[in-house]
Amino acid sequence: MRLRRAGRALRGPLNADVGRHWLTTLRASDFVNWQDNAKSQLGKNATFVWLIGGACLFLYDGGLRNLFSLRAAAFLGIGMFAAAIIVGGVSYLIVRAFANRLMKRFPDPSAPEALSALRAWRHVFGIVNLTLGVLFVIWVYASFFWL
């Protein structure tokens, strides 16, 4: 997402966007192509949650020796693809369903109330993706190693 337009220089106090938070500078055009990047971004988030969460679970369960084992490498290596497909896909379906509902409610995406709703739901979508990823890695780890 571009936070400033091409050709606009960040020089001194003349630029009004310098002191603002990035959420206040979002425009409706920033949300037009959201589907292009949403799938890949949600898949990347699920992969990172899988790798970090899986490493933490292996460290918690057996320490460094457990983390640097063949089963940990197989679990983390194979699981990151499954997490990207499953958690990323489910998150994308949830995001798409809510986006369609928001588009029906706010037909003009450049309206101030539409932009504020998009900003608020954007954080909710990120939290939902993170929560699904954490629950998925705990569920899969528990089903393989805690039985």
N, C-alpha and C. Protein backbone atom coordinates (compact mmCIF):
# COMPACT_ATOMS: atom_id res chain seq x y z
N MET A 1 0.85 -1.16 0.00
CA MET A 1 0.00 0.00 0.00
C MET A 1 0.89 1.23 0.00
N ARG A 2 0.59 2.16 -0.89
CA ARG A 2 1.35 3.38 -0.93
C ARG A 2 0.81 4.35 0.11
N LEU A 3 1.69 4.94 0.88
CA LEU A 3 1.27 5.91 1.87
C LEU A 3 1.41 7.33 1.36
N ARG A 4 2.07 7.49 0.25
CA ARG A 4 2.15 8.82 -0.35
C ARG A 4 2.12 8.66 -1.86
N ARG A 5 1.70 9.69 -2.54
CA ARG A 5 1.61 9.63 -4.00
C ARG A 5 2.98 9.82 -4.62
N ALA A 6 3.14 9.25 -5.79
CA ALA A 6 4.41 9.39 -6.50
C ALA A 6 4.60 10.85 -6.89
N GLY A 7 5.80 11.33 -6.71
CA GLY A 7 6.11 12.70 -7.07
C GLY A 7 5.99 13.67 -5.92
N ARG A 8 5.39 13.27 -4.83
CA ARG A 8 5.26 14.16 -3.68
C ARG A 8 6.48 13.96 -2.80
N ALA A 9 7.21 15.01 -2.57
CA ALA A 9 8.43 14.91 -1.76
C ALA A 9 8.09 15.15 -0.30
N LEU A 10 8.81 14.48 0.58
CA LEU A 10 8.62 14.67 2.01
C LEU A 10 9.59 15.74 2.49
N ARG A 11 9.23 16.98 2.28
CA ARG A 11 10.12 18.08 2.67
C ARG A 11 9.43 18.99 3.67
N GLY A 12 9.98 19.07 4.84
CA GLY A 12 9.58 20.06 5.83
C GLY A 12 8.11 20.05 6.22
N PRO A 13 7.65 21.16 6.75
CA PRO A 13 6.28 21.25 7.26
C PRO A 13 5.23 21.44 6.18
N LEU A 14 5.64 21.52 4.90
CA LEU A 14 4.66 21.71 3.84
C LEU A 14 3.82 20.47 3.60
N ASN A 15 4.36 19.32 3.90
CA ASN A 15 3.64 18.07 3.67
C ASN A 15 2.76 17.78 4.89
N ALA A 16 1.47 17.68 4.67
CA ALA A 16 0.54 17.48 5.77
C ALA A 16 0.49 16.03 6.23
N ASP A 17 0.99 15.09 5.41
CA ASP A 17 0.90 13.68 5.76
C ASP A 17 2.01 13.21 6.69
N VAL A 18 3.02 14.00 6.93
CA VAL A 18 4.18 13.55 7.67
C VAL A 18 3.83 13.24 9.13
N GLY A 19 3.03 14.07 9.77
CA GLY A 19 2.75 13.90 11.18
C GLY A 19 1.57 13.00 11.48
N ARG A 20 0.88 12.53 10.50
CA ARG A 20 -0.31 11.71 10.73
C ARG A 20 0.03 10.24 10.82
N HIS A 21 -0.84 9.53 11.49
CA HIS A 21 -0.72 8.08 11.55
C HIS A 21 -1.14 7.52 10.20
N TRP A 22 -0.60 6.36 9.81
CA TRP A 22 -0.89 5.83 8.48
C TRP A 22 -2.34 5.47 8.30
N LEU A 23 -3.08 5.16 9.39
CA LEU A 23 -4.49 4.83 9.23
C LEU A 23 -5.32 6.04 8.84
N THR A 24 -4.88 7.23 9.22
CA THR A 24 -5.66 8.41 8.89
C THR A 24 -5.40 8.88 7.47
N THR A 25 -4.37 8.35 6.82
CA THR A 25 -4.07 8.78 5.45
C THR A 25 -4.59 7.80 4.40
N LEU A 26 -5.34 6.76 4.81
CA LEU A 26 -5.86 5.81 3.84
C LEU A 26 -6.95 6.45 3.00
N ARG A 27 -6.95 6.11 1.74
CA ARG A 27 -7.96 6.61 0.82
C ARG A 27 -8.75 5.42 0.29
N ALA A 28 -9.87 5.71 -0.36
CA ALA A 28 -10.70 4.64 -0.91
C ALA A 28 -9.96 3.86 -1.98
N SER A 29 -9.05 4.51 -2.70
CA SER A 29 -8.30 3.81 -3.75
C SER A 29 -7.36 2.76 -3.17
N ASP A 30 -7.01 2.88 -1.89
CA ASP A 30 -6.15 1.88 -1.26
C ASP A 30 -6.88 0.56 -1.05
N PHE A 31 -8.21 0.60 -1.00
CA PHE A 31 -8.99 -0.59 -0.73
C PHE A 31 -9.57 -1.22 -2.00
N VAL A 32 -9.37 -0.61 -3.14
CA VAL A 32 -9.98 -1.09 -4.37
C VAL A 32 -9.42 -2.45 -4.77
N ASN A 33 -8.12 -2.64 -4.71
CA ASN A 33 -7.49 -3.88 -5.14
C ASN A 33 -7.12 -4.77 -3.96
N TRP A 34 -7.98 -4.85 -2.98
CA TRP A 34 -7.66 -5.61 -1.78
C TRP A 34 -7.61 -7.10 -2.05
N GLN A 35 -8.37 -7.61 -3.02
CA GLN A 35 -8.38 -9.04 -3.27
C GLN A 35 -7.09 -9.53 -3.89
N ASP A 36 -6.36 -8.66 -4.56
CA ASP A 36 -5.11 -9.08 -5.20
C ASP A 36 -4.09 -9.54 -4.17
N ASN A 37 -4.01 -8.83 -3.07
CA ASN A 37 -2.98 -9.13 -2.08
C ASN A 37 -3.51 -9.88 -0.87
N ALA A 38 -4.82 -9.97 -0.72
CA ALA A 38 -5.38 -10.54 0.50
C ALA A 38 -5.03 -12.01 0.66
N LYS A 39 -5.16 -12.80 -0.39
CA LYS A 39 -4.87 -14.23 -0.28
C LYS A 39 -3.42 -14.48 0.08
N SER A 40 -2.52 -13.82 -0.61
CA SER A 40 -1.10 -14.07 -0.34
C SER A 40 -0.71 -13.54 1.04
N GLN A 41 -1.25 -12.41 1.45
CA GLN A 41 -0.90 -11.86 2.76
C GLN A 41 -1.45 -12.73 3.88
N LEU A 42 -2.67 -13.21 3.75
CA LEU A 42 -3.24 -14.08 4.77
C LEU A 42 -2.50 -15.41 4.83
N GLY A 43 -2.06 -15.93 3.69
CA GLY A 43 -1.26 -17.15 3.67
C GLY A 43 0.10 -16.95 4.32
N LYS A 44 0.74 -15.80 4.07
CA LYS A 44 2.02 -15.50 4.70
C LYS A 44 1.88 -15.39 6.20
N ASN A 45 0.82 -14.71 6.65
CA ASN A 45 0.60 -14.58 8.09
C ASN A 45 0.40 -15.94 8.74
N ALA A 46 -0.37 -16.82 8.10
CA ALA A 46 -0.59 -18.16 8.64
C ALA A 46 0.70 -18.95 8.68
N THR A 47 1.56 -18.79 7.68
CA THR A 47 2.84 -19.50 7.65
C THR A 47 3.74 -19.03 8.79
N PHE A 48 3.81 -17.72 9.01
CA PHE A 48 4.64 -17.20 10.10
C PHE A 48 4.11 -17.63 11.47
N VAL A 49 2.80 -17.62 11.63
CA VAL A 49 2.22 -18.07 12.89
C VAL A 49 2.53 -19.54 13.10
N TRP A 50 2.45 -20.34 12.04
CA TRP A 50 2.75 -21.77 12.13
C TRP A 50 4.20 -22.00 12.56
N LEU A 51 5.13 -21.32 11.90
CA LEU A 51 6.54 -21.53 12.21
C LEU A 51 6.90 -21.06 13.61
N ILE A 52 6.45 -19.89 13.99
CA ILE A 52 6.77 -19.35 15.32
C ILE A 52 6.05 -20.14 16.40
N GLY A 53 4.75 -20.40 16.19
CA GLY A 53 3.99 -21.16 17.18
C GLY A 53 4.48 -22.59 17.32
N GLY A 54 4.80 -23.24 16.20
CA GLY A 54 5.32 -24.60 16.26
C GLY A 54 6.67 -24.66 16.95
N ALA A 55 7.54 -23.70 16.67
CA ALA A 55 8.85 -23.67 17.34
C ALA A 55 8.68 -23.45 18.84
N CYS A 56 7.77 -22.58 19.22
CA CYS A 56 7.52 -22.35 20.65
C CYS A 56 6.97 -23.60 21.32
N LEU A 57 6.07 -24.31 20.65
CA LEU A 57 5.52 -25.53 21.23
C LEU A 57 6.58 -26.62 21.37
N PHE A 58 7.45 -26.76 20.39
CA PHE A 58 8.53 -27.74 20.49
C PHE A 58 9.51 -27.36 21.60
N LEU A 59 9.81 -26.07 21.73
CA LEU A 59 10.69 -25.63 22.81
C LEU A 59 10.05 -25.86 24.17
N TYR A 60 8.76 -25.60 24.28
CA TYR A 60 8.06 -25.79 25.54
C TYR A 60 7.98 -27.27 25.92
N ASP A 61 7.79 -28.10 24.93
CA ASP A 61 7.61 -29.53 25.19
C ASP A 61 8.90 -30.25 25.54
N GLY A 62 9.99 -29.92 24.87
CA GLY A 62 11.20 -30.70 25.12
C GLY A 62 12.50 -29.94 25.03
N GLY A 63 12.47 -28.66 24.88
CA GLY A 63 13.69 -27.88 24.82
C GLY A 63 14.32 -27.87 23.43
N LEU A 64 15.57 -27.44 23.37
CA LEU A 64 16.28 -27.31 22.10
C LEU A 64 16.48 -28.65 21.41
N ARG A 65 16.67 -29.69 22.18
CA ARG A 65 16.88 -31.00 21.59
C ARG A 65 15.65 -31.44 20.81
N ASN A 66 14.48 -31.14 21.34
CA ASN A 66 13.22 -31.47 20.67
C ASN A 66 13.00 -30.61 19.43
N LEU A 67 13.44 -29.35 19.50
CA LEU A 67 13.25 -28.43 18.36
C LEU A 67 14.12 -28.83 17.18
N PHE A 68 15.34 -29.27 17.45
CA PHE A 68 16.26 -29.64 16.37
C PHE A 68 16.23 -31.15 16.13
N SER A 69 15.05 -31.65 15.85
CA SER A 69 14.89 -33.07 15.54
C SER A 69 14.26 -33.21 14.16
N LEU A 70 14.27 -34.42 13.66
CA LEU A 70 13.70 -34.69 12.35
C LEU A 70 12.18 -34.53 12.35
N ARG A 71 11.53 -34.94 13.43
CA ARG A 71 10.08 -34.79 13.47
C ARG A 71 9.66 -33.32 13.56
N ALA A 72 10.46 -32.49 14.22
CA ALA A 72 10.15 -31.06 14.27
C ALA A 72 10.32 -30.44 12.89
N ALA A 73 11.37 -30.83 12.18
CA ALA A 73 11.59 -30.30 10.84
C ALA A 73 10.46 -30.72 9.90
N ALA A 74 10.04 -31.97 10.00
CA ALA A 74 8.93 -32.44 9.16
C ALA A 74 7.63 -31.74 9.53
N PHE A 75 7.37 -31.59 10.82
CA PHE A 75 6.16 -30.92 11.29
C PHE A 75 6.11 -29.48 10.81
N LEU A 76 7.21 -28.76 11.00
CA LEU A 76 7.24 -27.35 10.61
C LEU A 76 7.26 -27.18 9.09
N GLY A 77 8.02 -28.04 8.41
CA GLY A 77 8.15 -27.91 6.95
C GLY A 77 6.88 -28.24 6.20
N ILE A 78 6.26 -29.36 6.54
CA ILE A 78 5.03 -29.76 5.85
C ILE A 78 3.85 -28.91 6.33
N GLY A 79 3.85 -28.61 7.63
CA GLY A 79 2.73 -27.88 8.20
C GLY A 79 2.59 -26.45 7.74
N MET A 80 3.70 -25.83 7.36
CA MET A 80 3.57 -24.43 6.92
C MET A 80 2.79 -24.32 5.62
N PHE A 81 2.89 -25.31 4.76
CA PHE A 81 2.10 -25.29 3.53
C PHE A 81 0.62 -25.55 3.82
N ALA A 82 0.37 -26.50 4.72
CA ALA A 82 -1.02 -26.78 5.10
C ALA A 82 -1.64 -25.58 5.80
N ALA A 83 -0.88 -24.92 6.65
CA ALA A 83 -1.40 -23.74 7.35
C ALA A 83 -1.72 -22.61 6.37
N ALA A 84 -0.84 -22.42 5.40
CA ALA A 84 -1.08 -21.36 4.42
C ALA A 84 -2.34 -21.64 3.62
N ILE A 85 -2.54 -22.90 3.25
CA ILE A 85 -3.72 -23.24 2.45
C ILE A 85 -4.99 -23.23 3.29
N ILE A 86 -4.95 -23.89 4.45
CA ILE A 86 -6.17 -24.03 5.25
C ILE A 86 -6.52 -22.74 5.98
N VAL A 87 -5.60 -22.24 6.80
CA VAL A 87 -5.89 -21.03 7.58
C VAL A 87 -6.00 -19.81 6.67
N GLY A 88 -5.11 -19.70 5.69
CA GLY A 88 -5.20 -18.58 4.76
C GLY A 88 -6.48 -18.61 3.95
N GLY A 89 -6.89 -19.80 3.51
CA GLY A 89 -8.13 -19.93 2.74
C GLY A 89 -9.37 -19.62 3.55
N VAL A 90 -9.43 -20.13 4.77
CA VAL A 90 -10.59 -19.84 5.63
C VAL A 90 -10.63 -18.36 5.98
N SER A 91 -9.47 -17.78 6.28
CA SER A 91 -9.43 -16.35 6.59
C SER A 91 -9.86 -15.52 5.39
N TYR A 92 -9.44 -15.93 4.20
CA TYR A 92 -9.83 -15.21 3.00
C TYR A 92 -11.33 -15.28 2.77
N LEU A 93 -11.92 -16.45 3.01
CA LEU A 93 -13.38 -16.56 2.86
C LEU A 93 -14.11 -15.67 3.86
N ILE A 94 -13.61 -15.59 5.08
CA ILE A 94 -14.23 -14.72 6.08
C ILE A 94 -14.08 -13.25 5.67
N VAL A 95 -12.88 -12.88 5.23
CA VAL A 95 -12.64 -11.50 4.80
C VAL A 95 -13.54 -11.14 3.62
N ARG A 96 -13.65 -12.05 2.68
CA ARG A 96 -14.47 -11.79 1.49
C ARG A 96 -15.95 -11.66 1.84
N ALA A 97 -16.44 -12.49 2.75
CA ALA A 97 -17.85 -12.40 3.16
C ALA A 97 -18.14 -11.07 3.85
N PHE A 98 -17.25 -10.67 4.76
CA PHE A 98 -17.46 -9.38 5.43
C PHE A 98 -17.29 -8.21 4.47
N ALA A 99 -16.38 -8.31 3.53
CA ALA A 99 -16.20 -7.23 2.56
C ALA A 99 -17.44 -7.08 1.68
N ASN A 100 -18.05 -8.19 1.30
CA ASN A 100 -19.28 -8.10 0.51
C ASN A 100 -20.40 -7.47 1.32
N ARG A 101 -20.48 -7.79 2.60
CA ARG A 101 -21.50 -7.16 3.44
C ARG A 101 -21.24 -5.66 3.60
N LEU A 102 -19.96 -5.29 3.75
CA LEU A 102 -19.64 -3.86 3.87
C LEU A 102 -19.93 -3.12 2.56
N MET A 103 -19.69 -3.77 1.43
CA MET A 103 -19.96 -3.11 0.14
C MET A 103 -21.46 -2.91 -0.07
N LYS A 104 -22.26 -3.84 0.44
CA LYS A 104 -23.71 -3.65 0.33
C LYS A 104 -24.17 -2.53 1.24
N ARG A 105 -23.55 -2.42 2.41
CA ARG A 105 -23.96 -1.39 3.35
C ARG A 105 -23.47 -0.01 2.93
N PHE A 106 -22.26 0.07 2.39
CA PHE A 106 -21.67 1.34 1.95
C PHE A 106 -21.37 1.25 0.47
N PRO A 107 -22.30 1.62 -0.39
CA PRO A 107 -22.05 1.51 -1.83
C PRO A 107 -20.97 2.47 -2.33
N ASP A 108 -20.76 3.59 -1.63
CA ASP A 108 -19.71 4.54 -2.01
C ASP A 108 -18.51 4.33 -1.10
N PRO A 109 -17.43 3.70 -1.59
CA PRO A 109 -16.30 3.41 -0.71
C PRO A 109 -15.49 4.64 -0.31
N SER A 110 -15.74 5.77 -0.95
CA SER A 110 -14.97 6.97 -0.59
C SER A 110 -15.66 7.80 0.49
N ALA A 111 -16.83 7.40 0.95
CA ALA A 111 -17.52 8.12 2.01
C ALA A 111 -16.74 7.98 3.32
N PRO A 112 -16.75 9.01 4.15
CA PRO A 112 -15.98 8.94 5.41
C PRO A 112 -16.41 7.79 6.33
N GLU A 113 -17.72 7.53 6.40
CA GLU A 113 -18.16 6.43 7.26
C GLU A 113 -17.73 5.07 6.70
N ALA A 114 -17.66 4.96 5.38
CA ALA A 114 -17.19 3.71 4.77
C ALA A 114 -15.71 3.50 5.06
N LEU A 115 -14.92 4.56 4.96
CA LEU A 115 -13.49 4.45 5.25
C LEU A 115 -13.23 4.10 6.71
N SER A 116 -14.01 4.68 7.62
CA SER A 116 -13.81 4.35 9.04
C SER A 116 -14.23 2.91 9.32
N ALA A 117 -15.28 2.42 8.66
CA ALA A 117 -15.68 1.03 8.83
C ALA A 117 -14.62 0.09 8.27
N LEU A 118 -14.03 0.43 7.12
CA LEU A 118 -12.98 -0.40 6.54
C LEU A 118 -11.74 -0.44 7.43
N ARG A 119 -11.40 0.70 8.04
CA ARG A 119 -10.25 0.73 8.94
C ARG A 119 -10.48 -0.17 10.15
N ALA A 120 -11.68 -0.09 10.71
CA ALA A 120 -11.98 -0.89 11.90
C ALA A 120 -11.99 -2.38 11.58
N TRP A 121 -12.63 -2.76 10.48
CA TRP A 121 -12.72 -4.17 10.13
C TRP A 121 -11.38 -4.74 9.69
N ARG A 122 -10.49 -3.89 9.21
CA ARG A 122 -9.17 -4.35 8.81
C ARG A 122 -8.41 -4.93 10.01
N HIS A 123 -8.54 -4.28 11.16
CA HIS A 123 -7.91 -4.81 12.37
C HIS A 123 -8.57 -6.11 12.83
N VAL A 124 -9.88 -6.17 12.71
CA VAL A 124 -10.60 -7.39 13.09
C VAL A 124 -10.16 -8.55 12.22
N PHE A 125 -10.00 -8.32 10.92
CA PHE A 125 -9.56 -9.38 10.01
C PHE A 125 -8.18 -9.90 10.40
N GLY A 126 -7.29 -9.01 10.77
CA GLY A 126 -5.95 -9.43 11.19
C GLY A 126 -5.99 -10.26 12.47
N ILE A 127 -6.83 -9.87 13.41
CA ILE A 127 -6.95 -10.61 14.66
C ILE A 127 -7.57 -11.98 14.40
N VAL A 128 -8.57 -12.05 13.53
CA VAL A 128 -9.20 -13.33 13.20
C VAL A 128 -8.18 -14.26 12.55
N ASN A 129 -7.37 -13.74 11.62
CA ASN A 129 -6.35 -14.56 10.97
C ASN A 129 -5.33 -15.07 11.97
N LEU A 130 -4.88 -14.22 12.86
CA LEU A 130 -3.92 -14.62 13.88
C LEU A 130 -4.52 -15.66 14.81
N THR A 131 -5.75 -15.47 15.24
CA THR A 131 -6.40 -16.41 16.14
C THR A 131 -6.60 -17.77 15.48
N LEU A 132 -7.04 -17.77 14.24
CA LEU A 132 -7.19 -19.05 13.52
C LEU A 132 -5.86 -19.77 13.38
N GLY A 133 -4.80 -19.04 13.10
CA GLY A 133 -3.48 -19.65 12.96
C GLY A 133 -2.99 -20.25 14.26
N VAL A 134 -3.17 -19.54 15.37
CA VAL A 134 -2.72 -20.05 16.67
C VAL A 134 -3.53 -21.28 17.06
N LEU A 135 -4.84 -21.22 16.89
CA LEU A 135 -5.67 -22.38 17.23
C LEU A 135 -5.34 -23.58 16.36
N PHE A 136 -5.05 -23.35 15.09
CA PHE A 136 -4.72 -24.44 14.18
C PHE A 136 -3.41 -25.11 14.57
N VAL A 137 -2.39 -24.33 14.88
CA VAL A 137 -1.09 -24.93 15.22
C VAL A 137 -1.19 -25.68 16.55
N ILE A 138 -1.93 -25.16 17.51
CA ILE A 138 -2.09 -25.86 18.79
C ILE A 138 -2.88 -27.15 18.59
N TRP A 139 -3.93 -27.10 17.80
CA TRP A 139 -4.76 -28.29 17.56
C TRP A 139 -3.96 -29.39 16.86
N VAL A 140 -3.21 -29.02 15.82
CA VAL A 140 -2.45 -30.03 15.08
C VAL A 140 -1.31 -30.58 15.95
N TYR A 141 -0.63 -29.73 16.68
CA TYR A 141 0.45 -30.19 17.55
C TYR A 141 -0.09 -31.12 18.63
N ALA A 142 -1.22 -30.75 19.21
CA ALA A 142 -1.81 -31.59 20.26
C ALA A 142 -2.27 -32.93 19.70
N SER A 143 -2.80 -32.94 18.51
CA SER A 143 -3.27 -34.20 17.96
C SER A 143 -2.13 -35.14 17.56
N PHE A 144 -0.96 -34.60 17.27
CA PHE A 144 0.17 -35.46 16.90
C PHE A 144 1.05 -35.84 18.09
N PHE A 145 1.27 -34.90 19.03
CA PHE A 145 2.29 -35.12 20.05
C PHE A 145 1.78 -35.18 21.48
N TRP A 146 0.56 -34.78 21.75
CA TRP A 146 0.08 -34.76 23.14
C TRP A 146 -0.95 -35.84 23.41
N LEU A 147 -1.08 -36.83 22.58
CA LEU A 147 -2.08 -37.87 22.82
C LEU A 147 -1.62 -38.91 23.79
